[in-house]
Amino acid sequence: MNKFWIATIGTSVIAYLIKFSGTLIPSRVLESPGVRRINGLLPIAMLSALVAVQTFADKKELLIDHRAAGVFVAAIALKLKAPFPVVVGIAALVSALLVRFA
């Protein structure tokens, strides 16, 4: 067995144990106001961080390119309350056009 499979199996076991440990937490802890607030805000923070990293980073470099324009246009579309598929479509179109004609 090579290092890849050891890492894959090890990561899978760790992920399972983390998920299993969640069943051991008493419900009174999970229903406390602080935990509920964190659970409500954590997905937003994680998604925002993912978008920022995927938009402005390339390996270890910080850069601004066509992806930033797509995110900017998507933010405007969201501000104007456009439906999500329209937001994604407009962002992809702007990004693709900038790549094509730049």
Protein backbone atom coordinates (compact mmCIF):
# COMPACT_ATOMS: atom_id res chain seq x y z
CA MET A 1 0.00 0.00 0.00
CA ASN A 2 1.47 3.35 -1.03
CA LYS A 3 1.38 6.71 0.78
CA PHE A 4 -1.66 7.89 -1.17
CA TRP A 5 -3.87 5.08 0.13
CA ILE A 6 -2.58 5.43 3.67
CA ALA A 7 -3.42 9.15 3.58
CA THR A 8 -6.84 8.47 2.01
CA ILE A 9 -7.81 5.81 4.53
CA GLY A 10 -6.39 7.83 7.43
CA THR A 11 -8.31 10.93 6.40
CA SER A 12 -11.50 8.90 5.99
CA VAL A 13 -11.15 7.43 9.47
CA ILE A 14 -10.52 10.86 10.99
CA ALA A 15 -13.54 12.34 9.17
CA TYR A 16 -15.74 9.48 10.39
CA LEU A 17 -14.56 9.91 13.99
CA ILE A 18 -15.22 13.65 13.86
CA LYS A 19 -18.73 13.05 12.52
CA PHE A 20 -19.36 10.30 15.07
CA SER A 21 -18.21 12.54 17.92
CA GLY A 22 -21.02 14.92 16.97
CA THR A 23 -23.57 12.30 18.03
CA LEU A 24 -22.03 12.23 21.52
CA ILE A 25 -22.68 15.93 22.19
CA PRO A 26 -25.76 16.48 24.38
CA SER A 27 -28.68 18.22 22.66
CA ARG A 28 -28.78 20.96 25.31
CA VAL A 29 -25.32 22.06 24.13
CA LEU A 30 -26.32 22.01 20.46
CA GLU A 31 -29.47 24.03 21.14
CA SER A 32 -27.76 26.79 23.10
CA PRO A 33 -28.02 30.27 21.54
CA GLY A 34 -24.29 30.64 21.00
CA VAL A 35 -23.93 27.34 19.15
CA ARG A 36 -27.03 28.06 17.05
CA ARG A 37 -25.63 31.45 16.06
CA ILE A 38 -22.26 29.97 15.10
CA ASN A 39 -23.97 27.21 13.11
CA GLY A 40 -25.94 29.85 11.22
CA LEU A 41 -22.92 32.00 10.36
CA LEU A 42 -20.25 29.37 9.75
CA PRO A 43 -21.45 28.24 6.28
CA ILE A 44 -21.56 31.86 5.09
CA ALA A 45 -18.02 32.50 6.32
CA MET A 46 -16.69 29.28 4.79
CA LEU A 47 -18.31 29.93 1.41
CA SER A 48 -17.05 33.51 1.38
CA ALA A 49 -13.52 32.33 2.12
CA LEU A 50 -13.75 29.72 -0.62
CA VAL A 51 -14.92 32.28 -3.17
CA ALA A 52 -12.15 34.69 -2.17
CA VAL A 53 -9.43 32.06 -2.41
CA GLN A 54 -10.68 30.70 -5.73
CA THR A 55 -11.02 34.21 -7.16
CA PHE A 56 -7.86 35.96 -6.02
CA ALA A 57 -5.29 33.19 -5.51
CA ASP A 58 -3.26 31.02 -7.83
CA LYS A 59 -1.12 28.65 -5.78
CA LYS A 60 0.88 31.09 -3.63
CA GLU A 61 0.29 34.20 -5.72
CA LEU A 62 -2.29 36.91 -5.24
CA LEU A 63 -3.74 38.05 -8.54
CA ILE A 64 -6.63 39.92 -10.05
CA ASP A 65 -7.91 38.64 -13.38
CA HIS A 66 -11.13 37.80 -15.19
CA ARG A 67 -12.47 35.91 -12.16
CA ALA A 68 -12.57 39.11 -10.11
CA ALA A 69 -14.73 40.77 -12.76
CA GLY A 70 -17.09 37.78 -12.69
CA VAL A 71 -17.43 38.00 -8.91
CA PHE A 72 -17.97 41.77 -9.12
CA VAL A 73 -20.76 41.36 -11.68
CA ALA A 74 -22.27 38.55 -9.60
CA ALA A 75 -22.29 40.80 -6.53
CA ILE A 76 -24.13 43.50 -8.48
CA ALA A 77 -26.65 40.93 -9.75
CA LEU A 78 -27.21 39.69 -6.20
CA LYS A 79 -27.70 43.26 -4.99
CA LEU A 80 -30.37 43.65 -7.69
CA LYS A 81 -32.02 40.44 -6.38
CA ALA A 82 -31.45 38.39 -9.53
CA PRO A 83 -32.22 34.66 -9.29
CA PHE A 84 -29.21 32.48 -8.49
CA PRO A 85 -28.97 30.77 -11.91
CA VAL A 86 -28.96 34.22 -13.54
CA VAL A 87 -26.21 35.39 -11.18
CA VAL A 88 -24.03 32.39 -12.01
CA GLY A 89 -24.73 32.72 -15.73
CA ILE A 90 -23.89 36.41 -15.86
CA ALA A 91 -20.69 35.90 -13.85
CA ALA A 92 -19.59 33.04 -16.12
CA LEU A 93 -20.43 35.01 -19.26
CA VAL A 94 -18.50 38.11 -18.17
CA SER A 95 -15.51 36.02 -17.11
CA ALA A 96 -15.52 34.05 -20.36
CA LEU A 97 -15.82 37.17 -22.49
CA LEU A 98 -12.89 38.79 -20.70
CA VAL A 99 -10.76 35.69 -21.26
CA ARG A 100 -11.77 35.49 -24.91
CA PHE A 101 -11.22 39.13 -25.80
CA ALA A 102 -8.35 40.03 -23.48
